[in-house]
C-alpha cells in the first residue's frame, strides 16, 4: 500500500542506499524526513523519500560544483 511506512532497511532499498548510510544521514540531517516511533523504531513515508530524492535532481555537472 502507498501509505505504509517503511523501515530503514526498506527505505534504503527504495533509495539504493545502505541502512548505515541512512542512519548517518539522520545524524547529520542530510537525509529524508523520518518518523521516530520509539528509540529503536524509525520509519519513512514513501512520499518523503520521493520528495528528498527529487530535491537531489541536477541537470548538469555545473550544479554540483564540478568544473571538469
PDB file of N, CA and C in Angstrom:
ATOM      1  N   UNK A   1       0.842  -1.191   0.000  1.00  0.00           N
ATOM      2  CA  UNK A   1       0.000   0.000   0.000  1.00  0.00           C
ATOM      3  C   UNK A   1       0.882   1.246   0.000  1.00  0.00           C
ATOM      4  N   UNK A   2       0.485   2.261  -0.704  1.00  0.00           N
ATOM      5  CA  UNK A   2       1.247   3.506  -0.880  1.00  0.00           C
ATOM      6  C   UNK A   2       1.548   4.214   0.433  1.00  0.00           C
ATOM      7  N   UNK A   3       0.626   4.153   1.390  1.00  0.00           N
ATOM      8  CA  UNK A   3       0.770   4.938   2.611  1.00  0.00           C
ATOM      9  C   UNK A   3       1.456   4.179   3.740  1.00  0.00           C
ATOM     10  N   UNK A   4       1.913   2.970   3.486  1.00  0.00           N
ATOM     11  CA  UNK A   4       2.622   2.220   4.505  1.00  0.00           C
ATOM     12  C   UNK A   4       3.970   2.868   4.782  1.00  0.00           C
ATOM     13  N   UNK A   5       4.356   2.881   6.040  1.00  0.00           N
ATOM     14  CA  UNK A   5       5.664   3.412   6.405  1.00  0.00           C
ATOM     15  C   UNK A   5       6.712   2.330   6.208  1.00  0.00           C
ATOM     16  N   UNK A   6       7.901   2.759   5.826  1.00  0.00           N
ATOM     17  CA  UNK A   6       8.991   1.832   5.533  1.00  0.00           C
ATOM     18  C   UNK A   6      10.039   1.849   6.633  1.00  0.00           C
ATOM     19  N   UNK A   7      10.607   0.691   6.906  1.00  0.00           N
ATOM     20  CA  UNK A   7      11.726   0.602   7.847  1.00  0.00           C
ATOM     21  C   UNK A   7      12.971   1.216   7.201  1.00  0.00           C
ATOM     22  N   UNK A   8      14.016   1.387   7.983  1.00  0.00           N
ATOM     23  CA  UNK A   8      15.272   1.919   7.438  1.00  0.00           C
ATOM     24  C   UNK A   8      15.797   1.008   6.333  1.00  0.00           C
ATOM     25  N   UNK A   9      15.720  -0.289   6.547  1.00  0.00           N
ATOM     26  CA  UNK A   9      16.175  -1.243   5.535  1.00  0.00           C
ATOM     27  C   UNK A   9      15.366  -1.103   4.242  1.00  0.00           C
ATOM     28  N   UNK A  10      14.043  -1.029   4.368  1.00  0.00           N
ATOM     29  CA  UNK A  10      13.181  -0.887   3.191  1.00  0.00           C
ATOM     30  C   UNK A  10      13.418   0.453   2.490  1.00  0.00           C
ATOM     31  N   UNK A  11      13.576   1.511   3.280  1.00  0.00           N
ATOM     32  CA  UNK A  11      13.833   2.830   2.690  1.00  0.00           C
ATOM     33  C   UNK A  11      15.165   2.830   1.946  1.00  0.00           C
ATOM     34  N   UNK A  12      16.160   2.165   2.510  1.00  0.00           N
ATOM     35  CA  UNK A  12      17.456   2.063   1.849  1.00  0.00           C
ATOM     36  C   UNK A  12      17.343   1.354   0.511  1.00  0.00           C
ATOM     37  N   UNK A  13      16.587   0.273   0.479  1.00  0.00           N
ATOM     38  CA  UNK A  13      16.380  -0.444  -0.788  1.00  0.00           C
ATOM     39  C   UNK A  13      15.654   0.442  -1.793  1.00  0.00           C
ATOM     40  N   UNK A  14      14.670   1.172  -1.344  1.00  0.00           N
ATOM     41  CA  UNK A  14      13.905   2.085  -2.196  1.00  0.00           C
ATOM     42  C   UNK A  14      14.821   3.128  -2.829  1.00  0.00           C
ATOM     43  N   UNK A  15      15.780   3.646  -2.034  1.00  0.00           N
ATOM     44  CA  UNK A  15      16.670   4.715  -2.492  1.00  0.00           C
ATOM     45  C   UNK A  15      17.972   4.207  -3.100  1.00  0.00           C
ATOM     46  N   UNK A  16      18.256   2.934  -2.927  1.00  0.00           N
ATOM     47  CA  UNK A  16      19.536   2.396  -3.396  1.00  0.00           C
ATOM     48  C   UNK A  16      20.687   2.760  -2.467  1.00  0.00           C
ATOM     49  N   UNK A  17      20.378   2.917  -1.183  1.00  0.00           N
ATOM     50  CA  UNK A  17      21.385   3.262  -0.178  1.00  0.00           C
ATOM     51  C   UNK A  17      21.418   2.183   0.896  1.00  0.00           C
ATOM     52  N   UNK A  18      22.519   2.098   1.591  1.00  0.00           N
ATOM     53  CA  UNK A  18      22.596   1.138   2.685  1.00  0.00           C
ATOM     54  C   UNK A  18      21.869   1.676   3.913  1.00  0.00           C
ATOM     55  N   UNK A  19      21.519   0.773   4.797  1.00  0.00           N
ATOM     56  CA  UNK A  19      20.894   1.134   6.068  1.00  0.00           C
ATOM     57  C   UNK A  19      21.814   2.077   6.835  1.00  0.00           C
ATOM     58  N   UNK A  20      23.091   1.774   6.829  1.00  0.00           N
ATOM     59  CA  UNK A  20      24.077   2.588   7.561  1.00  0.00           C
ATOM     60  C   UNK A  20      24.165   4.006   6.993  1.00  0.00           C
ATOM     61  N   UNK A  21      24.102   4.147   5.683  1.00  0.00           N
ATOM     62  CA  UNK A  21      24.131   5.475   5.066  1.00  0.00           C
ATOM     63  C   UNK A  21      22.928   6.299   5.521  1.00  0.00           C
ATOM     64  N   UNK A  22      21.748   5.677   5.544  1.00  0.00           N
ATOM     65  CA  UNK A  22      20.564   6.393   6.017  1.00  0.00           C
ATOM     66  C   UNK A  22      20.708   6.784   7.489  1.00  0.00           C
ATOM     67  N   UNK A  23      21.284   5.907   8.295  1.00  0.00           N
ATOM     68  CA  UNK A  23      21.500   6.232   9.707  1.00  0.00           C
ATOM     69  C   UNK A  23      22.428   7.443   9.842  1.00  0.00           C
ATOM     70  N   UNK A  24      23.488   7.478   9.062  1.00  0.00           N
ATOM     71  CA  UNK A  24      24.415   8.621   9.093  1.00  0.00           C
ATOM     72  C   UNK A  24      23.721   9.902   8.646  1.00  0.00           C
ATOM     73  N   UNK A  25      22.875   9.790   7.627  1.00  0.00           N
ATOM     74  CA  UNK A  25      22.159  10.967   7.134  1.00  0.00           C
ATOM     75  C   UNK A  25      21.155  11.481   8.173  1.00  0.00           C
ATOM     76  N   UNK A  26      20.593  10.591   8.975  1.00  0.00           N
ATOM     77  CA  UNK A  26      19.723  11.038  10.072  1.00  0.00           C
ATOM     78  C   UNK A  26      20.523  11.832  11.094  1.00  0.00           C
ATOM     79  N   UNK A  27      21.731  11.379  11.382  1.00  0.00           N
ATOM     80  CA  UNK A  27      22.577  12.051  12.367  1.00  0.00           C
ATOM     81  C   UNK A  27      22.966  13.443  11.900  1.00  0.00           C
ATOM     82  N   UNK A  28      23.383  13.568  10.635  1.00  0.00           N
ATOM     83  CA  UNK A  28      23.848  14.885  10.160  1.00  0.00           C
ATOM     84  C   UNK A  28      22.748  15.738   9.534  1.00  0.00           C
ATOM     85  N   UNK A  29      21.534  15.188   9.443  1.00  0.00           N
ATOM     86  CA  UNK A  29      20.405  15.964   8.942  1.00  0.00           C
ATOM     87  C   UNK A  29      20.349  16.115   7.434  1.00  0.00           C
ATOM     88  N   UNK A  30      21.114  15.314   6.705  1.00  0.00           N
ATOM     89  CA  UNK A  30      21.160  15.467   5.249  1.00  0.00           C
ATOM     90  C   UNK A  30      20.232  14.506   4.509  1.00  0.00           C
ATOM     91  N   UNK A  31      19.521  13.674   5.226  1.00  0.00           N
ATOM     92  CA  UNK A  31      18.676  12.674   4.590  1.00  0.00           C
ATOM     93  C   UNK A  31      17.214  13.068   4.542  1.00  0.00           C
ATOM     94  N   UNK A  32      16.394  12.132   4.136  1.00  0.00           N
ATOM     95  CA  UNK A  32      14.957  12.387   4.052  1.00  0.00           C
ATOM     96  C   UNK A  32      14.333  12.494   5.450  1.00  0.00           C
ATOM     97  N   UNK A  33      13.174  13.132   5.508  1.00  0.00           N
ATOM     98  CA  UNK A  33      12.442  13.224   6.766  1.00  0.00           C
ATOM     99  C   UNK A  33      12.022  11.821   7.197  1.00  0.00           C
ATOM    100  N   UNK A  34      11.871  11.636   8.492  1.00  0.00           N
ATOM    101  CA  UNK A  34      11.522  10.323   9.026  1.00  0.00           C
ATOM    102  C   UNK A  34      10.685  10.484  10.284  1.00  0.00           C
ATOM    103  N   UNK A  35      10.099   9.390  10.717  1.00  0.00           N
ATOM    104  CA  UNK A  35       9.327   9.343  11.953  1.00  0.00           C
ATOM    105  C   UNK A  35      10.113   8.521  12.970  1.00  0.00           C
ATOM    106  N   UNK A  36      10.286   9.051  14.157  1.00  0.00           N
ATOM    107  CA  UNK A  36      10.886   8.266  15.232  1.00  0.00           C
ATOM    108  C   UNK A  36       9.731   7.783  16.097  1.00  0.00           C
ATOM    109  N   UNK A  37       9.367   6.529  15.908  1.00  0.00           N
ATOM    110  CA  UNK A  37       8.241   5.931  16.614  1.00  0.00           C
ATOM    111  C   UNK A  37       8.634   5.639  18.061  1.00  0.00           C
ATOM    112  N   UNK A  38       9.846   5.153  18.245  1.00  0.00           N
ATOM    113  CA  UNK A  38      10.415   4.906  19.577  1.00  0.00           C
ATOM    114  C   UNK A  38      11.928   4.980  19.445  1.00  0.00           C
ATOM    115  N   UNK A  39      12.629   4.742  20.531  1.00  0.00           N
ATOM    116  CA  UNK A  39      14.093   4.855  20.478  1.00  0.00           C
ATOM    117  C   UNK A  39      14.721   3.859  19.502  1.00  0.00           C
ATOM    118  N   UNK A  40      14.030   2.789  19.191  1.00  0.00           N
ATOM    119  CA  UNK A  40      14.570   1.774  18.284  1.00  0.00           C
ATOM    120  C   UNK A  40      13.743   1.589  17.013  1.00  0.00           C
ATOM    121  N   UNK A  41      12.773   2.459  16.809  1.00  0.00           N
ATOM    122  CA  UNK A  41      11.881   2.295  15.660  1.00  0.00           C
ATOM    123  C   UNK A  41      11.791   3.594  14.860  1.00  0.00           C
ATOM    124  N   UNK A  42      12.388   3.582  13.673  1.00  0.00           N
ATOM    125  CA  UNK A  42      12.354   4.716  12.751  1.00  0.00           C
ATOM    126  C   UNK A  42      11.627   4.255  11.501  1.00  0.00           C
ATOM    127  N   UNK A  43      10.769   5.108  10.968  1.00  0.00           N
ATOM    128  CA  UNK A  43      10.029   4.783   9.754  1.00  0.00           C
ATOM    129  C   UNK A  43      10.053   5.962   8.787  1.00  0.00           C
ATOM    130  N   UNK A  44       9.941   5.629   7.513  1.00  0.00           N
ATOM    131  CA  UNK A  44       9.948   6.618   6.436  1.00  0.00           C
ATOM    132  C   UNK A  44       8.662   6.496   5.637  1.00  0.00           C
ATOM    133  N   UNK A  45       8.105   7.634   5.240  1.00  0.00           N
ATOM    134  CA  UNK A  45       6.952   7.651   4.342  1.00  0.00           C
ATOM    135  C   UNK A  45       7.478   7.662   2.904  1.00  0.00           C
ATOM    136  N   UNK A  46       6.937   6.813   2.037  1.00  0.00           N
ATOM    137  CA  UNK A  46       7.406   6.777   0.651  1.00  0.00           C
ATOM    138  C   UNK A  46       7.364   8.146  -0.028  1.00  0.00           C
ATOM    139  N   UNK A  47       6.354   8.951   0.257  1.00  0.00           N
ATOM    140  CA  UNK A  47       6.277  10.278  -0.378  1.00  0.00           C
ATOM    141  C   UNK A  47       7.413  11.184   0.083  1.00  0.00           C
ATOM    142  N   UNK A  48       7.863  11.031   1.335  1.00  0.00           N
ATOM    143  CA  UNK A  48       9.008  11.818   1.816  1.00  0.00           C
ATOM    144  C   UNK A  48      10.298  11.365   1.145  1.00  0.00           C
ATOM    145  N   UNK A  49      10.423  10.074   0.893  1.00  0.00           N
ATOM    146  CA  UNK A  49      11.607   9.564   0.192  1.00  0.00           C
ATOM    147  C   UNK A  49      11.653  10.114  -1.228  1.00  0.00           C
ATOM    148  N   UNK A  50      10.508  10.113  -1.898  1.00  0.00           N
ATOM    149  CA  UNK A  50      10.457  10.655  -3.269  1.00  0.00           C
ATOM    150  C   UNK A  50      10.778  12.145  -3.286  1.00  0.00           C
ATOM    151  N   UNK A  51      10.217  12.876  -2.329  1.00  0.00           N
ATOM    152  CA  UNK A  51      10.467  14.318  -2.253  1.00  0.00           C
ATOM    153  C   UNK A  51      11.950  14.594  -2.034  1.00  0.00           C
ATOM    154  N   UNK A  52      12.580  13.861  -1.136  1.00  0.00           N
ATOM    155  CA  UNK A  52      14.008  14.042  -0.853  1.00  0.00           C
ATOM    156  C   UNK A  52      14.829  13.702  -2.095  1.00  0.00           C
ATOM    157  N   UNK A  53      14.479  12.594  -2.740  1.00  0.00           N
ATOM    158  CA  UNK A  53      15.194  12.188  -3.947  1.00  0.00           C
ATOM    159  C   UNK A  53      15.057  13.244  -5.032  1.00  0.00           C
ATOM    160  N   UNK A  54      13.872  13.787  -5.215  1.00  0.00           N
ATOM    161  CA  UNK A  54      13.661  14.835  -6.214  1.00  0.00           C
ATOM    162  C   UNK A  54      14.450  16.104  -5.888  1.00  0.00           C
ATOM    163  N   UNK A  55      14.684  16.371  -4.606  1.00  0.00           N
ATOM    164  CA  UNK A  55      15.456  17.554  -4.221  1.00  0.00           C
ATOM    165  C   UNK A  55      16.921  17.430  -4.631  1.00  0.00           C
ATOM    166  N   UNK A  56      17.357  16.216  -4.930  1.00  0.00           N
ATOM    167  CA  UNK A  56      18.754  15.984  -5.329  1.00  0.00           C
ATOM    168  C   UNK A  56      18.952  16.039  -6.838  1.00  0.00           C
ATOM    169  N   UNK A  57      17.862  16.199  -7.577  1.00  0.00           N
ATOM    170  CA  UNK A  57      17.930  16.202  -9.044  1.00  0.00           C
ATOM    171  C   UNK A  57      18.803  17.344  -9.548  1.00  0.00           C
ATOM    172  N   UNK A  58      19.640  17.043 -10.508  1.00  0.00           N
ATOM    173  CA  UNK A  58      20.514  18.028 -11.159  1.00  0.00           C
ATOM    174  C   UNK A  58      20.379  17.887 -12.661  1.00  0.00           C
ATOM    175  N   UNK A  59      20.601  18.984 -13.377  1.00  0.00           N
ATOM    176  CA  UNK A  59      20.532  18.935 -14.836  1.00  0.00           C
ATOM    177  C   UNK A  59      21.897  18.899 -15.492  1.00  0.00           C
ATOM    178  N   UNK A  60      22.907  19.317 -14.757  1.00  0.00           N
ATOM    179  CA  UNK A  60      24.249  19.287 -15.318  1.00  0.00           C
ATOM    180  C   UNK A  60      25.281  19.226 -14.197  1.00  0.00           C
ATOM    181  N   UNK A  61      26.520  18.932 -14.559  1.00  0.00           N
ATOM    182  CA  UNK A  61      27.566  18.801 -13.540  1.00  0.00           C
ATOM    183  C   UNK A  61      27.956  20.150 -12.956  1.00  0.00           C
ATOM    184  N   UNK A  62      27.661  21.236 -13.625  1.00  0.00           N
ATOM    185  CA  UNK A  62      27.958  22.567 -13.097  1.00  0.00           C
ATOM    186  C   UNK A  62      27.221  22.800 -11.774  1.00  0.00           C
ATOM    187  N   UNK A  63      25.998  22.285 -11.685  1.00  0.00           N
ATOM    188  CA  UNK A  63      25.214  22.435 -10.458  1.00  0.00           C
ATOM    189  C   UNK A  63      25.851  21.724  -9.271  1.00  0.00           C
ATOM    190  N   UNK A  64      26.710  20.769  -9.533  1.00  0.00           N
ATOM    191  CA  UNK A  64      27.392  20.037  -8.485  1.00  0.00           C
ATOM    192  C   UNK A  64      28.699  20.709  -8.072  1.00  0.00           C
ATOM    193  N   UNK A  65      29.062  21.799  -8.742  1.00  0.00           N
ATOM    194  CA  UNK A  65      30.319  22.466  -8.442  1.00  0.00           C
ATOM    195  C   UNK A  65      31.498  21.868  -9.192  1.00  0.00           C
ATOM    196  N   UNK A  66      31.229  20.975 -10.140  1.00  0.00           N
ATOM    197  CA  UNK A  66      32.297  20.351 -10.914  1.00  0.00           C
ATOM    198  C   UNK A  66      32.621  21.251 -12.108  1.00  0.00           C
ATOM    199  N   UNK A  67      33.895  21.417 -12.386  1.00  0.00           N
ATOM    200  CA  UNK A  67      34.307  22.276 -13.494  1.00  0.00           C
ATOM    201  C   UNK A  67      35.031  21.502 -14.576  1.00  0.00           C
ATOM    202  N   UNK A  68      35.110  20.200 -14.462  1.00  0.00           N
ATOM    203  CA  UNK A  68      35.799  19.414 -15.477  1.00  0.00           C
ATOM    204  C   UNK A  68      34.851  18.816 -16.463  1.00  0.00           C
TER     205      UNK A  68
END
